[in-house]
Amino acid sequence: MKIYVVVSFSEDGMENVYVGDDHEKVQSLNPEDFENSDALFVEIWEDGEKTDEYRVGSYAEDDEPEN
């Protein structure tokens, strides 16, 4: 079974905002869903080992246009 760990990152640090097996719920989450969240980081665990990870959303500095 896959377990999803969703971590919210902000200027103040990081916080687990979801831990569970509902893939559809994880796919529906956005940084805007959480107060002061700059980005979400998803870890996928299976059989006690982390098998994948990815970021959802972007940090403010990533949104600035490059010249």
Protein backbone atom coordinates (compact mmCIF):
# COMPACT_ATOMS: atom_id res chain seq x y z
CA MET A 1 0.00 0.00 0.00
CA LYS A 2 1.23 3.52 -0.81
CA ILE A 3 1.28 6.16 1.92
CA TYR A 4 1.43 9.82 0.94
CA VAL A 5 3.08 12.38 3.21
CA VAL A 6 2.32 15.99 2.27
CA VAL A 7 4.53 18.66 3.84
CA SER A 8 3.73 22.37 3.69
CA PHE A 9 6.70 24.75 3.47
CA SER A 10 6.59 28.40 4.57
CA GLU A 11 8.98 31.07 5.82
CA ASP A 12 8.33 29.75 9.33
CA GLY A 13 9.36 26.17 8.55
CA MET A 14 7.57 23.02 7.49
CA GLU A 15 4.55 21.07 8.72
CA ASN A 16 2.95 17.74 7.81
CA VAL A 17 -0.51 18.61 6.48
CA TYR A 18 -1.63 15.16 5.30
CA VAL A 19 -0.56 11.57 5.86
CA GLY A 20 -2.69 8.83 4.33
CA ASP A 21 -3.43 6.60 1.37
CA ASP A 22 -5.95 8.75 -0.56
CA HIS A 23 -4.21 9.51 -3.87
CA GLU A 24 -7.13 11.62 -5.16
CA LYS A 25 -7.01 13.83 -2.06
CA VAL A 26 -3.26 14.37 -2.49
CA GLN A 27 -3.75 15.30 -6.15
CA SER A 28 -6.38 17.89 -5.20
CA LEU A 29 -4.18 19.74 -2.67
CA ASN A 30 -2.60 23.12 -3.46
CA PRO A 31 -0.38 25.42 -1.39
CA GLU A 32 -3.27 27.91 -1.29
CA ASP A 33 -5.27 25.37 0.75
CA PHE A 34 -3.01 26.01 3.78
CA GLU A 35 -2.31 29.23 5.63
CA ASN A 36 1.07 30.79 4.77
CA SER A 37 2.09 27.83 2.59
CA ASP A 38 4.63 28.62 -0.12
CA ALA A 39 4.80 25.10 -1.57
CA LEU A 40 3.78 21.52 -0.85
CA PHE A 41 6.17 18.60 -0.99
CA VAL A 42 4.78 15.07 -1.48
CA GLU A 43 6.64 11.95 -0.41
CA ILE A 44 5.37 8.54 -1.50
CA TRP A 45 6.18 5.61 0.77
CA GLU A 46 5.65 1.94 -0.02
CA ASP A 47 6.62 -1.04 2.13
CA GLY A 48 8.48 1.24 4.56
CA GLU A 49 10.66 2.89 1.90
CA LYS A 50 10.34 6.26 0.18
CA THR A 51 9.78 5.52 -3.51
CA ASP A 52 9.15 9.00 -4.93
CA GLU A 53 8.87 12.67 -4.07
CA TYR A 54 7.77 15.84 -5.84
CA ARG A 55 6.88 19.45 -5.21
CA VAL A 56 3.45 21.02 -5.76
CA GLY A 57 3.32 24.78 -6.30
CA SER A 58 6.22 27.17 -6.24
CA TYR A 59 8.11 29.43 -3.91
CA ALA A 60 7.61 33.18 -4.36
CA GLU A 61 11.09 33.72 -5.82
CA ASP A 62 10.36 31.10 -8.50
CA ASP A 63 7.45 33.25 -9.72
CA GLU A 64 9.58 36.30 -10.50
CA PRO A 65 10.28 36.83 -14.19
CA GLU A 66 13.88 36.53 -15.32
CA ASN A 67 15.46 39.37 -17.31
